[in-house]
C-alpha atoms as a PDB file:
ATOM      1  CA  MET A   1     -54.875-180.289 -50.996  1.00  0.00           C
ATOM      2  CA  GLN A   2     -56.906-179.112 -53.999  1.00  0.00           C
ATOM      3  CA  ARG A   3     -54.102-176.757 -55.026  1.00  0.00           C
ATOM      4  CA  PHE A   4     -51.648-179.682 -54.852  1.00  0.00           C
ATOM      5  CA  PHE A   5     -53.719-181.738 -57.297  1.00  0.00           C
ATOM      6  CA  LEU A   6     -54.097-178.717 -59.547  1.00  0.00           C
ATOM      7  CA  VAL A   7     -50.331-178.381 -59.740  1.00  0.00           C
ATOM      8  CA  LEU A   8     -50.064-182.047 -60.710  1.00  0.00           C
ATOM      9  CA  LEU A   9     -52.666-181.499 -63.371  1.00  0.00           C
ATOM     10  CA  VAL A  10     -50.799-178.467 -64.683  1.00  0.00           C
ATOM     11  CA  VAL A  11     -47.679-180.559 -65.136  1.00  0.00           C
ATOM     12  CA  ALA A  12     -49.684-182.846 -67.424  1.00  0.00           C
ATOM     13  CA  LEU A  13     -51.844-180.198 -69.091  1.00  0.00           C
ATOM     14  CA  PHE A  14     -49.688-177.125 -68.776  1.00  0.00           C
ATOM     15  CA  THR A  15     -50.389-175.923 -72.270  1.00  0.00           C
ATOM     16  CA  VAL A  16     -54.179-175.788 -72.269  1.00  0.00           C
ATOM     17  CA  VAL A  17     -53.872-172.027 -72.700  1.00  0.00           C
ATOM     18  CA  ASP A  18     -53.061-170.588 -76.108  1.00  0.00           C
ATOM     19  CA  ALA A  19     -49.422-169.574 -76.568  1.00  0.00           C
ATOM     20  CA  ALA A  20     -50.482-165.982 -77.131  1.00  0.00           C
ATOM     21  CA  SER A  21     -51.350-165.708 -73.438  1.00  0.00           C
ATOM     22  CA  ALA A  22     -47.655-165.316 -72.671  1.00  0.00           C
ATOM     23  CA  THR A  23     -48.109-161.563 -72.920  1.00  0.00           C
ATOM     24  CA  SER A  24     -50.941-161.490 -70.381  1.00  0.00           C
ATOM     25  CA  THR A  25     -50.556-159.664 -67.094  1.00  0.00           C
ATOM     26  CA  LEU A  26     -48.912-162.037 -64.641  1.00  0.00           C
ATOM     27  CA  LYS A  27     -48.760-162.212 -60.883  1.00  0.00           C
ATOM     28  CA  PHE A  28     -45.353-162.507 -59.264  1.00  0.00           C
ATOM     29  CA  SER A  29     -44.093-163.074 -55.774  1.00  0.00           C
ATOM     30  CA  PRO A  30     -41.683-160.338 -54.551  1.00  0.00           C
ATOM     31  CA  VAL A  31     -38.595-162.350 -55.417  1.00  0.00           C
ATOM     32  CA  SER A  32     -39.780-163.534 -58.824  1.00  0.00           C
ATOM     33  CA  LEU A  33     -39.914-160.079 -60.410  1.00  0.00           C
ATOM     34  CA  SER A  34     -37.467-159.603 -63.240  1.00  0.00           C
ATOM     35  CA  ASN A  35     -34.527-157.318 -62.718  1.00  0.00           C
ATOM     36  CA  ASP A  36     -33.390-154.808 -65.302  1.00  0.00           C
ATOM     37  CA  HIS A  37     -31.091-157.160 -67.182  1.00  0.00           C
ATOM     38  CA  PRO A  38     -31.861-160.132 -69.411  1.00  0.00           C
ATOM     39  CA  GLU A  39     -31.487-163.475 -67.700  1.00  0.00           C
ATOM     40  CA  LYS A  40     -28.187-165.197 -68.438  1.00  0.00           C
ATOM     41  CA  ARG A  41     -27.945-168.894 -69.078  1.00  0.00           C
ATOM     42  CA  LEU A  42     -25.484-170.130 -66.483  1.00  0.00           C
ATOM     43  CA  LEU A  43     -23.008-172.925 -65.898  1.00  0.00           C
ATOM     44  CA  ARG A  44     -22.280-174.506 -69.251  1.00  0.00           C
ATOM     45  CA  VAL A  45     -25.707-173.863 -70.679  1.00  0.00           C
ATOM     46  CA  GLU A  46     -25.337-173.039 -74.378  1.00  0.00           C
ATOM     47  CA  THR A  47     -27.009-170.206 -76.256  1.00  0.00           C
ATOM     48  CA  LYS A  48     -30.428-171.337 -77.502  1.00  0.00           C
ATOM     49  CA  THR A  49     -30.243-173.896 -80.281  1.00  0.00           C
ATOM     50  CA  GLY A  50     -32.984-175.593 -82.242  1.00  0.00           C
ATOM     51  CA  LYS A  51     -33.206-178.144 -79.468  1.00  0.00           C
ATOM     52  CA  ASP A  52     -33.546-175.443 -76.825  1.00  0.00           C
ATOM     53  CA  ASN A  53     -36.374-173.830 -78.770  1.00  0.00           C
ATOM     54  CA  GLU A  54     -38.029-177.185 -79.177  1.00  0.00           C
ATOM     55  CA  GLU A  55     -37.886-177.754 -75.423  1.00  0.00           C
ATOM     56  CA  GLU A  56     -39.302-174.295 -74.778  1.00  0.00           C
ATOM     57  CA  ARG A  57     -42.187-174.951 -77.149  1.00  0.00           C
ATOM     58  CA  ALA A  58     -42.831-178.188 -75.302  1.00  0.00           C
ATOM     59  CA  ILE A  59     -43.519-176.072 -72.234  1.00  0.00           C
ATOM     60  CA  ALA A  60     -45.134-173.106 -73.941  1.00  0.00           C
ATOM     61  CA  GLY A  61     -47.757-174.659 -76.170  1.00  0.00           C
ATOM     62  CA  ALA A  62     -46.978-177.766 -78.189  1.00  0.00           C
ATOM     63  CA  ALA A  63     -48.766-180.550 -76.325  1.00  0.00           C
ATOM     64  CA  ILE A  64     -52.352-179.328 -76.435  1.00  0.00           C
ATOM     65  CA  PRO A  65     -54.764-181.904 -74.965  1.00  0.00           C
ATOM     66  CA  ASN A  66     -57.488-183.274 -77.235  1.00  0.00           C
ATOM     67  CA  GLN A  67     -61.199-182.872 -76.572  1.00  0.00           C
ATOM     68  CA  SER A  68     -61.595-186.216 -74.800  1.00  0.00           C
ATOM     69  CA  LYS A  69     -58.869-185.275 -72.324  1.00  0.00           C
ATOM     70  CA  LEU A  70     -60.421-181.863 -71.789  1.00  0.00           C
ATOM     71  CA  SER A  71     -63.762-183.515 -71.113  1.00  0.00           C
ATOM     72  CA  LYS A  72     -62.165-185.688 -68.452  1.00  0.00           C
ATOM     73  CA  VAL A  73     -60.486-182.660 -66.906  1.00  0.00           C
ATOM     74  CA  LYS A  74     -63.776-180.753 -66.945  1.00  0.00           C
ATOM     75  CA  LYS A  75     -65.541-183.662 -65.254  1.00  0.00           C
ATOM     76  CA  TRP A  76     -62.790-183.934 -62.635  1.00  0.00           C
ATOM     77  CA  LEU A  77     -62.846-180.193 -61.927  1.00  0.00           C
ATOM     78  CA  SER A  78     -66.627-180.237 -61.518  1.00  0.00           C
ATOM     79  CA  LYS A  79     -66.118-182.393 -58.434  1.00  0.00           C
ATOM     80  CA  MET A  80     -63.863-179.763 -56.862  1.00  0.00           C
ATOM     81  CA  LYS A  81     -65.670-176.990 -55.044  1.00  0.00           C
ATOM     82  CA  GLY A  82     -65.264-173.583 -56.683  1.00  0.00           C
ATOM     83  CA  TRP A  83     -63.361-174.834 -59.744  1.00  0.00           C
ATOM     84  CA  SER A  84     -64.333-175.053 -63.416  1.00  0.00           C
ATOM     85  CA  LEU A  85     -62.464-175.546 -66.673  1.00  0.00           C
ATOM     86  CA  SER A  86     -62.598-171.825 -67.478  1.00  0.00           C
ATOM     87  CA  LYS A  87     -61.312-170.920 -64.027  1.00  0.00           C
ATOM     88  CA  PHE A  88     -58.600-173.546 -64.342  1.00  0.00           C
ATOM     89  CA  LYS A  89     -57.497-172.089 -67.689  1.00  0.00           C
ATOM     90  CA  GLU A  90     -57.388-168.619 -66.191  1.00  0.00           C
ATOM     91  CA  TRP A  91     -55.301-169.902 -63.277  1.00  0.00           C
ATOM     92  CA  ILE A  92     -52.826-171.443 -65.730  1.00  0.00           C
ATOM     93  CA  LYS A  93     -52.606-168.145 -67.646  1.00  0.00           C
ATOM     94  CA  GLU A  94     -51.848-166.252 -64.451  1.00  0.00           C
ATOM     95  CA  ASN A  95     -49.169-168.716 -63.328  1.00  0.00           C
ATOM     96  CA  ARG A  96     -47.711-169.696 -66.691  1.00  0.00           C
ATOM     97  CA  ASP A  97     -44.330-168.048 -66.195  1.00  0.00           C
ATOM     98  CA  ARG A  98     -43.966-169.549 -62.731  1.00  0.00           C
ATOM     99  CA  PHE A  99     -44.239-173.059 -64.131  1.00  0.00           C
ATOM    100  CA  LYS A 100     -41.818-172.216 -66.925  1.00  0.00           C
ATOM    101  CA  ALA A 101     -39.369-170.806 -64.371  1.00  0.00           C
ATOM    102  CA  TRP A 102     -39.748-173.904 -62.213  1.00  0.00           C
ATOM    103  CA  TYR A 103     -39.016-176.140 -65.200  1.00  0.00           C
ATOM    104  CA  ALA A 104     -35.982-174.066 -66.224  1.00  0.00           C
ATOM    105  CA  ASP A 105     -34.642-174.000 -62.668  1.00  0.00           C
ATOM    106  CA  SER A 106     -35.038-177.760 -62.282  1.00  0.00           C
ATOM    107  CA  LYS A 107     -33.039-178.309 -65.449  1.00  0.00           C
ATOM    108  CA  GLN A 108     -30.413-175.755 -64.456  1.00  0.00           C
ATOM    109  CA  MET A 109     -29.903-177.192 -60.973  1.00  0.00           C
ATOM    110  CA  LYS A 110     -28.958-180.668 -62.153  1.00  0.00           C
ATOM    111  CA  PRO A 111     -25.377-179.761 -63.190  1.00  0.00           C
ATOM    112  CA  TRP A 112     -24.975-177.690 -60.005  1.00  0.00           C
ATOM    113  CA  THR A 113     -25.922-180.692 -57.917  1.00  0.00           C
ATOM    114  CA  LYS A 114     -23.723-182.983 -60.005  1.00  0.00           C
ATOM    115  CA  GLU A 115     -20.729-180.683 -59.486  1.00  0.00           C
ATOM    116  CA  LYS A 116     -21.532-180.566 -55.742  1.00  0.00           C
ATOM    117  CA  LEU A 117     -21.897-176.799 -55.612  1.00  0.00           C
ATOM    118  CA  THR A 118     -22.998-175.274 -52.318  1.00  0.00           C
ATOM    119  CA  PRO A 119     -25.653-172.562 -51.892  1.00  0.00           C
ATOM    120  CA  ASP A 120     -22.802-170.072 -51.405  1.00  0.00           C
ATOM    121  CA  ASP A 121     -21.281-171.129 -54.730  1.00  0.00           C
ATOM    122  CA  VAL A 122     -24.587-170.693 -56.532  1.00  0.00           C
ATOM    123  CA  PHE A 123     -25.244-167.362 -54.789  1.00  0.00           C
ATOM    124  CA  ARG A 124     -22.008-166.044 -56.303  1.00  0.00           C
ATOM    125  CA  LEU A 125     -22.637-167.747 -59.633  1.00  0.00           C
ATOM    126  CA  LEU A 126     -25.988-165.985 -59.968  1.00  0.00           C
ATOM    127  CA  GLU A 127     -24.284-162.707 -58.975  1.00  0.00           C
ATOM    128  CA  LEU A 128     -26.666-162.215 -56.070  1.00  0.00           C
ATOM    129  CA  ASP A 129     -23.760-160.907 -54.011  1.00  0.00           C
ATOM    130  CA  GLN A 130     -23.334-157.791 -56.173  1.00  0.00           C
ATOM    131  CA  ASN A 131     -26.024-155.336 -55.034  1.00  0.00           C
ATOM    132  CA  ILE A 132     -27.753-155.432 -51.650  1.00  0.00           C
ATOM    133  CA  ASN A 133     -30.411-152.924 -52.743  1.00  0.00           C
ATOM    134  CA  LYS A 134     -31.574-155.032 -55.685  1.00  0.00           C
ATOM    135  CA  VAL A 135     -31.211-158.547 -54.355  1.00  0.00           C
ATOM    136  CA  LEU A 136     -34.795-158.935 -53.082  1.00  0.00           C
ATOM    137  CA  ASN A 137     -36.436-158.241 -56.445  1.00  0.00           C
ATOM    138  CA  ASN A 138     -33.835-160.079 -58.499  1.00  0.00           C
ATOM    139  CA  ARG A 139     -35.598-162.988 -60.232  1.00  0.00           C
ATOM    140  CA  LYS A 140     -32.471-165.104 -59.777  1.00  0.00           C
ATOM    141  CA  LEU A 141     -33.143-165.155 -56.038  1.00  0.00           C
ATOM    142  CA  THR A 142     -36.082-167.487 -56.684  1.00  0.00           C
ATOM    143  CA  THR A 143     -33.748-169.851 -58.537  1.00  0.00           C
ATOM    144  CA  TRP A 144     -31.317-169.761 -55.623  1.00  0.00           C
ATOM    145  CA  VAL A 145     -34.065-170.456 -53.070  1.00  0.00           C
ATOM    146  CA  ARG A 146     -35.181-173.517 -55.047  1.00  0.00           C
ATOM    147  CA  PHE A 147     -31.600-174.770 -55.109  1.00  0.00           C
ATOM    148  CA  MET A 148     -31.214-174.073 -51.382  1.00  0.00           C
ATOM    149  CA  ARG A 149     -34.311-176.137 -50.568  1.00  0.00           C
ATOM    150  CA  SER A 150     -33.081-179.002 -52.715  1.00  0.00           C
ATOM    151  CA  TYR A 151     -29.653-178.773 -51.077  1.00  0.00           C
ATOM    152  CA  ASN A 152     -31.118-178.789 -47.555  1.00  0.00           C
ATOM    153  CA  LYS A 153     -32.992-182.027 -48.211  1.00  0.00           C
ATOM    154  CA  LYS A 154     -29.680-183.785 -48.809  1.00  0.00           C
ATOM    155  CA  ASN A 155     -27.493-182.091 -46.194  1.00  0.00           C
ATOM    156  CA  GLU A 156     -27.618-181.907 -42.408  1.00  0.00           C
ATOM    157  CA  ASN A 157     -26.385-178.313 -42.112  1.00  0.00           C
ATOM    158  CA  GLU A 158     -29.461-176.348 -43.131  1.00  0.00           C
ATOM    159  CA  VAL A 159     -28.848-173.190 -45.145  1.00  0.00           C
ATOM    160  CA  THR A 160     -31.220-170.226 -44.776  1.00  0.00           C
ATOM    161  CA  LEU A 161     -31.846-167.149 -46.878  1.00  0.00           C
ATOM    162  CA  ILE A 162     -31.352-164.744 -43.960  1.00  0.00           C
ATOM    163  CA  GLY A 163     -28.111-166.492 -43.005  1.00  0.00           C
ATOM    164  CA  THR A 164     -26.754-166.304 -46.531  1.00  0.00           C
ATOM    165  CA  LEU A 165     -27.705-162.645 -46.988  1.00  0.00           C
ATOM    166  CA  THR A 166     -26.031-161.840 -43.667  1.00  0.00           C
ATOM    167  CA  LYS A 167     -22.886-163.711 -44.673  1.00  0.00           C
ATOM    168  CA  PHE A 168     -22.524-161.809 -47.944  1.00  0.00           C
ATOM    169  CA  TYR A 169     -23.738-158.352 -46.933  1.00  0.00           C
ATOM    170  CA  GLY A 170     -23.359-158.081 -43.151  1.00  0.00           C
ATOM    171  CA  GLY A 171     -26.047-157.814 -40.474  1.00  0.00           C
ATOM    172  CA  VAL A 172     -26.217-154.026 -40.135  1.00  0.00           C
ATOM    173  CA  PRO A 173     -26.389-153.134 -43.870  1.00  0.00           C
ATOM    174  CA  LEU A 174     -28.935-155.920 -44.285  1.00  0.00           C
ATOM    175  CA  ALA A 175     -31.050-154.567 -41.407  1.00  0.00           C
ATOM    176  CA  LYS A 176     -31.180-151.149 -43.057  1.00  0.00           C
ATOM    177  CA  MET A 177     -31.994-152.555 -46.485  1.00  0.00           C
ATOM    178  CA  LEU A 178     -34.844-154.711 -45.154  1.00  0.00           C
ATOM    179  CA  GLU A 179     -36.436-151.777 -43.330  1.00  0.00           C
ATOM    180  CA  LEU A 180     -36.236-149.596 -46.439  1.00  0.00           C
ATOM    181  CA  ALA A 181     -37.631-152.408 -48.621  1.00  0.00           C
ATOM    182  CA  LYS A 182     -40.818-152.782 -46.562  1.00  0.00           C
ATOM    183  CA  PRO A 183     -42.789-149.914 -48.182  1.00  0.00           C
ATOM    184  CA  ASN A 184     -42.141-151.339 -51.659  1.00  0.00           C
ATOM    185  CA  PRO A 185     -45.199-153.458 -52.627  1.00  0.00           C
ATOM    186  CA  TYR A 186     -42.976-155.830 -54.607  1.00  0.00           C
ATOM    187  CA  THR A 187     -40.643-156.575 -51.695  1.00  0.00           C
ATOM    188  CA  THR A 188     -42.697-155.817 -48.567  1.00  0.00           C
ATOM    189  CA  ARG A 189     -43.768-159.389 -47.828  1.00  0.00           C
ATOM    190  CA  LEU A 190     -40.298-160.877 -48.154  1.00  0.00           C
ATOM    191  CA  ALA A 191     -38.632-157.951 -46.365  1.00  0.00           C
ATOM    192  CA  LYS A 192     -40.964-158.261 -43.370  1.00  0.00           C
ATOM    193  CA  ARG A 193     -40.401-162.004 -43.112  1.00  0.00           C
ATOM    194  CA  LEU A 194     -36.627-161.657 -43.354  1.00  0.00           C
ATOM    195  CA  GLN A 195     -36.614-158.814 -40.830  1.00  0.00           C
ATOM    196  CA  GLY A 196     -38.540-161.019 -38.420  1.00  0.00           C
ATOM    197  CA  ASP A 197     -36.010-163.812 -38.942  1.00  0.00           C
ATOM    198  CA  GLN A 198     -33.126-161.411 -38.339  1.00  0.00           C
ATOM    199  CA  LEU A 199     -34.563-159.940 -35.135  1.00  0.00           C
ATOM    200  CA  LYS A 200     -35.421-163.374 -33.752  1.00  0.00           C
ATOM    201  CA  GLY A 201     -31.859-164.417 -34.517  1.00  0.00           C
ATOM    202  CA  TRP A 202     -30.477-161.465 -32.570  1.00  0.00           C
ATOM    203  CA  VAL A 203     -32.695-162.299 -29.602  1.00  0.00           C
ATOM    204  CA  GLY A 204     -31.719-165.962 -29.834  1.00  0.00           C
ATOM    205  CA  ASN A 205     -28.030-165.032 -29.871  1.00  0.00           C
ATOM    206  CA  GLY A 206     -28.411-163.133 -26.609  1.00  0.00           C
ATOM    207  CA  LEU A 207     -28.075-159.580 -27.922  1.00  0.00           C
ATOM    208  CA  ASN A 208     -29.600-156.930 -25.657  1.00  0.00           C
ATOM    209  CA  MET A 209     -30.979-153.432 -26.241  1.00  0.00           C
ATOM    210  CA  ASP A 210     -27.697-151.688 -25.460  1.00  0.00           C
ATOM    211  CA  ILE A 211     -25.655-153.877 -27.805  1.00  0.00           C
ATOM    212  CA  VAL A 212     -28.061-153.447 -30.720  1.00  0.00           C
ATOM    213  CA  TYR A 213     -28.377-149.702 -29.990  1.00  0.00           C
ATOM    214  CA  SER A 214     -24.616-149.331 -30.383  1.00  0.00           C
ATOM    215  CA  MET A 215     -24.396-151.786 -33.265  1.00  0.00           C
ATOM    216  CA  LEU A 216     -26.986-149.860 -35.294  1.00  0.00           C
ATOM    217  CA  LYS A 217     -25.514-146.494 -34.208  1.00  0.00           C
ATOM    218  CA  VAL A 218     -28.975-145.230 -33.302  1.00  0.00           C
ATOM    219  CA  GLY A 219     -27.701-142.386 -31.119  1.00  0.00           C
ATOM    220  CA  ASP A 220     -25.060-141.113 -33.533  1.00  0.00           C
ATOM    221  CA  GLY A 221     -27.287-138.846 -35.611  1.00  0.00           C
ATOM    222  CA  SER A 222     -28.721-135.416 -34.858  1.00  0.00           C
ATOM    223  CA  ILE A 223     -31.962-135.100 -32.913  1.00  0.00           C
ATOM    224  CA  GLU A 224     -33.702-133.769 -36.037  1.00  0.00           C
ATOM    225  CA  LYS A 225     -32.884-136.935 -37.976  1.00  0.00           C
ATOM    226  CA  VAL A 226     -33.135-139.607 -35.302  1.00  0.00           C
ATOM    227  CA  LEU A 227     -36.822-140.423 -35.769  1.00  0.00           C
ATOM    228  CA  ALA A 228     -36.468-140.625 -39.555  1.00  0.00           C
ATOM    229  CA  ASN A 229     -33.507-142.965 -39.145  1.00  0.00           C
ATOM    230  CA  PRO A 230     -34.542-146.477 -40.270  1.00  0.00           C
ATOM    231  CA  MET A 231     -32.112-147.897 -37.708  1.00  0.00           C
ATOM    232  CA  LEU A 232     -34.187-146.385 -34.888  1.00  0.00           C
ATOM    233  CA  ARG A 233     -37.213-148.292 -36.145  1.00  0.00           C
ATOM    234  CA  VAL A 234     -35.204-151.511 -36.409  1.00  0.00           C
ATOM    235  CA  TRP A 235     -33.901-151.052 -32.858  1.00  0.00           C
ATOM    236  CA  THR A 236     -37.436-150.292 -31.649  1.00  0.00           C
ATOM    237  CA  TYR A 237     -38.782-153.502 -33.215  1.00  0.00           C
ATOM    238  CA  PHE A 238     -35.933-155.468 -31.648  1.00  0.00           C
ATOM    239  CA  SER A 239     -36.499-153.929 -28.218  1.00  0.00           C
ATOM    240  CA  TYR A 240     -40.213-154.654 -28.414  1.00  0.00           C
ATOM    241  CA  LEU A 241     -39.514-158.288 -29.356  1.00  0.00           C
ATOM    242  CA  LYS A 242     -36.760-158.637 -26.754  1.00  0.00           C
ATOM    243  CA  ASN A 243     -39.114-157.502 -24.009  1.00  0.00           C
ATOM    244  CA  GLY A 244     -41.886-159.901 -24.906  1.00  0.00           C
ATOM    245  CA  GLY A 245     -43.952-157.480 -26.944  1.00  0.00           C
ATOM    246  CA  TYR A 246     -45.194-155.575 -23.903  1.00  0.00           C
ATOM    247  CA  PRO A 247     -46.122-151.876 -24.142  1.00  0.00           C
ATOM    248  CA  GLU A 248     -43.602-151.232 -21.352  1.00  0.00           C
ATOM    249  CA  ALA A 249     -40.869-151.936 -23.891  1.00  0.00           C
ATOM    250  CA  TYR A 250     -41.341-148.426 -25.239  1.00  0.00           C
ATOM    251  CA  VAL A 251     -40.673-147.006 -21.779  1.00  0.00           C
ATOM    252  CA  LEU A 252     -37.299-148.751 -21.833  1.00  0.00           C
ATOM    253  CA  ILE A 253     -36.702-147.365 -25.321  1.00  0.00           C
ATOM    254  CA  ILE A 254     -37.380-143.795 -24.166  1.00  0.00           C
ATOM    255  CA  LYS A 255     -35.108-144.201 -21.152  1.00  0.00           C
ATOM    256  CA  LYS A 256     -32.323-145.333 -23.462  1.00  0.00           C
ATOM    257  CA  LEU A 257     -32.873-142.501 -25.956  1.00  0.00           C
ATOM    258  CA  VAL A 258     -32.587-139.815 -23.263  1.00  0.00           C
ATOM    259  CA  THR A 259     -29.057-141.054 -22.562  1.00  0.00           C
ATOM    260  CA  SER A 260     -28.160-139.743 -26.042  1.00  0.00           C
ATOM    261  CA  TYR A 261     -30.544-136.812 -26.420  1.00  0.00           C
ATOM    262  CA  ASP A 262     -31.976-134.046 -24.243  1.00  0.00           C
ATOM    263  CA  GLU A 263     -35.435-135.174 -23.134  1.00  0.00           C
ATOM    264  CA  MET A 264     -37.203-131.963 -24.180  1.00  0.00           C
ATOM    265  CA  GLU A 265     -35.486-131.870 -27.562  1.00  0.00           C
ATOM    266  CA  LEU A 266     -36.483-135.502 -27.961  1.00  0.00           C
ATOM    267  CA  ALA A 267     -40.081-134.677 -27.004  1.00  0.00           C
ATOM    268  CA  LYS A 268     -40.170-131.926 -29.637  1.00  0.00           C
ATOM    269  CA  ALA A 269     -38.753-134.231 -32.313  1.00  0.00           C
ATOM    270  CA  ILE A 270     -41.256-136.957 -31.424  1.00  0.00           C
ATOM    271  CA  GLN A 271     -44.145-134.495 -31.661  1.00  0.00           C
ATOM    272  CA  VAL A 272     -43.043-133.405 -35.144  1.00  0.00           C
ATOM    273  CA  ALA A 273     -42.638-137.044 -36.210  1.00  0.00           C
ATOM    274  CA  THR A 274     -46.233-137.867 -35.221  1.00  0.00           C
ATOM    275  CA  LYS A 275     -47.337-135.712 -38.170  1.00  0.00           C
ATOM    276  CA  ASP A 276     -45.301-137.711 -40.681  1.00  0.00           C
ATOM    277  CA  LYS A 277     -46.983-140.819 -42.106  1.00  0.00           C
ATOM    278  CA  THR A 278     -43.708-142.729 -42.323  1.00  0.00           C
ATOM    279  CA  THR A 279     -42.914-142.208 -38.625  1.00  0.00           C
ATOM    280  CA  GLU A 280     -46.383-141.634 -37.156  1.00  0.00           C
ATOM    281  CA  SER A 281     -46.956-145.110 -35.729  1.00  0.00           C
ATOM    282  CA  VAL A 282     -43.687-145.542 -33.834  1.00  0.00           C
ATOM    283  CA  SER A 283     -43.617-141.861 -32.791  1.00  0.00           C
ATOM    284  CA  LYS A 284     -47.021-142.011 -31.133  1.00  0.00           C
ATOM    285  CA  ARG A 285     -45.947-145.065 -29.151  1.00  0.00           C
ATOM    286  CA  LEU A 286     -42.754-143.310 -28.100  1.00  0.00           C
ATOM    287  CA  GLN A 287     -44.662-140.188 -27.099  1.00  0.00           C
ATOM    288  CA  THR A 288     -47.066-142.196 -24.957  1.00  0.00           C
ATOM    289  CA  ALA A 289     -44.098-143.931 -23.328  1.00  0.00           C
ATOM    290  CA  GLN A 290     -42.379-140.607 -22.606  1.00  0.00           C
ATOM    291  CA  PHE A 291     -45.560-139.199 -21.068  1.00  0.00           C
ATOM    292  CA  LYS A 292     -45.849-142.328 -18.950  1.00  0.00           C
ATOM    293  CA  VAL A 293     -42.318-141.737 -17.644  1.00  0.00           C
ATOM    294  CA  TRP A 294     -43.120-138.103 -16.846  1.00  0.00           C
ATOM    295  CA  GLN A 295     -46.299-139.103 -15.066  1.00  0.00           C
ATOM    296  CA  ALA A 296     -44.452-141.709 -12.990  1.00  0.00           C
ATOM    297  CA  GLU A 297     -41.918-139.032 -12.024  1.00  0.00           C
ATOM    298  CA  GLY A 298     -44.720-136.694 -10.933  1.00  0.00           C
ATOM    299  CA  ARG A 299     -44.117-134.118 -13.673  1.00  0.00           C
ATOM    300  CA  THR A 300     -46.928-131.560 -14.014  1.00  0.00           C
ATOM    301  CA  PRO A 301     -47.999-129.844 -17.252  1.00  0.00           C
ATOM    302  CA  LYS A 302     -46.736-126.562 -15.808  1.00  0.00           C
ATOM    303  CA  GLU A 303     -43.277-128.059 -15.266  1.00  0.00           C
ATOM    304  CA  ILE A 304     -43.208-129.346 -18.843  1.00  0.00           C
ATOM    305  CA  PHE A 305     -44.344-125.898 -20.040  1.00  0.00           C
ATOM    306  CA  ASN A 306     -41.351-124.331 -18.311  1.00  0.00           C
ATOM    307  CA  LYS A 307     -38.936-127.032 -19.484  1.00  0.00           C
ATOM    308  CA  LEU A 308     -39.965-126.335 -23.069  1.00  0.00           C
ATOM    309  CA  ASN A 309     -38.985-122.667 -22.556  1.00  0.00           C
ATOM    310  CA  LEU A 310     -42.328-121.474 -23.832  1.00  0.00           C
ATOM    311  CA  ASP A 311     -42.926-117.717 -23.715  1.00  0.00           C
ATOM    312  CA  THR A 312     -45.949-116.947 -21.521  1.00  0.00           C
ATOM    313  CA  LYS A 313     -47.079-114.266 -23.973  1.00  0.00           C
ATOM    314  CA  LYS A 314     -46.291-115.923 -27.301  1.00  0.00           C
ATOM    315  CA  TRP A 315     -46.721-119.595 -26.399  1.00  0.00           C
ATOM    316  CA  PRO A 316     -49.985-120.116 -28.372  1.00  0.00           C
ATOM    317  CA  TYR A 317     -47.980-119.515 -31.574  1.00  0.00           C
ATOM    318  CA  ASP A 318     -44.984-121.647 -30.601  1.00  0.00           C
ATOM    319  CA  PRO A 319     -45.065-125.048 -32.405  1.00  0.00           C
ATOM    320  CA  ASN A 320     -43.478-126.663 -29.346  1.00  0.00           C
ATOM    321  CA  VAL A 321     -46.640-125.948 -27.381  1.00  0.00           C
ATOM    322  CA  GLU A 322     -48.081-129.076 -29.000  1.00  0.00           C
ATOM    323  CA  VAL A 323     -45.939-131.180 -26.644  1.00  0.00           C
ATOM    324  CA  TYR A 324     -47.424-129.380 -23.650  1.00  0.00           C
ATOM    325  CA  LYS A 325     -50.970-129.758 -24.994  1.00  0.00           C
ATOM    326  CA  ALA A 326     -50.487-133.434 -25.780  1.00  0.00           C
ATOM    327  CA  TYR A 327     -49.137-134.167 -22.286  1.00  0.00           C
ATOM    328  CA  LYS A 328     -51.981-132.237 -20.658  1.00  0.00           C
ATOM    329  CA  LEU A 329     -54.477-134.244 -22.713  1.00  0.00           C
ATOM    330  CA  TYR A 330     -52.710-137.497 -21.775  1.00  0.00           C
ATOM    331  CA  LEU A 331     -53.224-136.783 -18.061  1.00  0.00           C
ATOM    332  CA  LEU A 332     -56.989-136.244 -18.397  1.00  0.00           C
END
């Protein structure tokens, strides 16, 4: 609630901070980061005129409150726990561009609404349909989301970001892009949320493990590349969600993988992947699941030793012996 009142206060006193603060380091959400190209003024918005500059100054620093107003603000802030005038000024400095963007978007959306454009129309207009790999950190996506929310308030058929991205780019390419965008600190939060929305949508639409396995072409690559394949991770997340988040889901995943790959070759690949930071987490879960299957089938370490074709004389130097050692340790 305090943050809500602060926003209202910012609208009235947005320019408390000196105009020079525009060059300060700013905090952005993943989708508000600028792309590599200058922002275009869209839909019958003229190149900046004297009036445009005047309006910009009105936001950026013209209406500076007098001392009596600042005293009232200071008194009001003193009643709010953890807030002071200096902290309030700093907060404005950090969020200055967000308020400017909000103001610009609000002005820009009026003609779109007047012309009865749909979110799809605006998505194309902002050229968000041009590059799937850059769409998440395109600052225009924030503008589109604001328009989408405004549109949804006035229309029964709710539009969603995940639905629109799927419509323009396709579910499978989008799934790959979202998984690859997760390590990026600028897109990780949004990518994770959208991936969750996508997987829940697949579950809600009745897709099963086999369908998604084929759809993502998980088993089409070589055994050496399968665990580095982002589609394997996506399918693993889906399978885990589909099966209620139980650890047994990984057993089902292993049983499906051995229909495409030799179980010992898979075991070797999993062992190698446990040493890679990018695949360590999922690989360790898969290895535990595979060992659980072997244990349930009554497999002994000696049998696994033989299946791995380890040389009885040279086996200590064979990298594949790590699978045997790991299974032996698992049974302890």
